[in-house]
Amino acid sequence: MTYNIAAMPQEIQQQFELQKKASLWVYWVNTGKPGWTRERVRVELAQIADDAEREALREWLRHYDAIAKSAAKPASKPTNKKGFRHAAR
């Protein structure tokens, strides 16, 4: 199903644009795109004049950064719960 973002209220459109920007910046930093570091993201964020927009973008950056960090963690080793049952026989 596709949604027409242009037909939605202005606030939803702005949130959608902030989500796109935040996810793109986090992706560029994590993939090592030349010129994109965490410091560059801080500079870009500081250049946004509107305080509400800057805070909303900062929240989305935290959200996508947390997702990227959790995806980068190695999977935990599965435990063998059957060990005790078979050992008791």
Protein backbone atom coordinates (compact mmCIF):
# COMPACT_ATOMS: atom_id res chain seq x y z
CA MET A 1 0.00 0.00 0.00
CA THR A 2 1.34 3.41 -0.88
CA TYR A 3 0.58 6.67 0.84
CA ASN A 4 0.51 10.08 -0.75
CA ILE A 5 2.68 12.10 1.64
CA ALA A 6 1.81 15.35 -0.16
CA ALA A 7 -1.88 14.87 0.72
CA MET A 8 -1.16 14.55 4.44
CA PRO A 9 -1.12 17.45 6.91
CA GLN A 10 1.98 19.66 6.98
CA GLU A 11 3.10 18.37 10.39
CA ILE A 12 3.14 14.76 9.18
CA GLN A 13 5.02 15.78 6.04
CA GLN A 14 7.64 17.54 8.16
CA GLN A 15 8.05 14.53 10.45
CA PHE A 16 8.45 12.29 7.42
CA GLU A 17 11.17 14.58 6.02
CA LEU A 18 12.96 14.64 9.38
CA GLN A 19 12.86 10.83 9.54
CA LYS A 20 14.37 10.60 6.05
CA LYS A 21 17.11 13.08 6.88
CA ALA A 22 17.98 11.39 10.19
CA SER A 23 18.07 7.88 8.74
CA LEU A 24 20.20 9.04 5.83
CA TRP A 25 22.71 10.83 8.09
CA VAL A 26 23.00 7.82 10.42
CA TYR A 27 23.48 5.53 7.41
CA TRP A 28 26.20 7.76 5.96
CA VAL A 29 28.07 7.94 9.27
CA ASN A 30 27.84 4.18 9.87
CA THR A 31 28.92 3.24 6.34
CA GLY A 32 31.84 5.66 6.43
CA LYS A 33 30.75 7.94 3.61
CA PRO A 34 33.62 10.40 3.06
CA GLY A 35 33.10 13.60 4.99
CA TRP A 36 30.31 12.26 7.21
CA THR A 37 31.22 11.83 10.86
CA ARG A 38 29.34 12.30 14.09
CA GLU A 39 30.91 15.74 14.32
CA ARG A 40 29.55 16.69 10.90
CA VAL A 41 26.08 15.61 12.01
CA ARG A 42 26.43 17.85 15.09
CA VAL A 43 27.43 20.77 12.86
CA GLU A 44 24.54 20.16 10.46
CA LEU A 45 22.16 19.90 13.40
CA ALA A 46 23.43 23.17 14.90
CA GLN A 47 22.74 24.97 11.60
CA ILE A 48 19.00 24.35 11.85
CA ALA A 49 17.44 27.61 13.06
CA ASP A 50 14.08 26.30 14.28
CA ASP A 51 14.47 24.88 17.81
CA ALA A 52 11.45 22.56 17.54
CA GLU A 53 12.67 21.13 14.24
CA ARG A 54 16.19 20.67 15.62
CA GLU A 55 14.90 18.81 18.68
CA ALA A 56 12.62 16.61 16.58
CA LEU A 57 15.53 15.76 14.27
CA ARG A 58 17.74 15.04 17.29
CA GLU A 59 15.13 12.57 18.59
CA TRP A 60 15.00 10.80 15.22
CA LEU A 61 18.81 10.69 15.10
CA ARG A 62 18.87 9.00 18.52
CA HIS A 63 16.20 6.56 17.37
CA TYR A 64 18.00 5.50 14.20
CA ASP A 65 21.39 5.45 15.92
CA ALA A 66 20.03 3.05 18.54
CA ILE A 67 18.66 0.80 15.81
CA ALA A 68 22.01 0.85 13.99
CA LYS A 69 23.90 0.03 17.17
CA SER A 70 21.63 -2.87 18.06
CA ALA A 71 21.92 -4.26 14.52
CA ALA A 72 25.71 -4.04 14.70
CA LYS A 73 25.92 -6.11 17.90
CA PRO A 74 26.85 -9.75 17.34
CA ALA A 75 24.07 -12.20 18.03
CA SER A 76 24.25 -13.82 21.43
CA LYS A 77 25.13 -17.47 21.58
CA PRO A 78 22.01 -19.61 21.99
CA THR A 79 21.81 -21.50 25.25
CA ASN A 80 21.44 -25.23 25.32
CA LYS A 81 18.43 -25.72 27.57
CA LYS A 82 18.21 -29.42 26.81
CA GLY A 83 21.56 -30.15 28.43
CA PHE A 84 20.27 -30.82 31.92
CA ARG A 85 17.37 -32.98 30.84
CA HIS A 86 19.57 -35.24 28.74
CA ALA A 87 22.35 -35.32 31.31
CA ALA A 88 19.97 -36.58 34.02
CA ARG A 89 18.99 -39.70 32.09
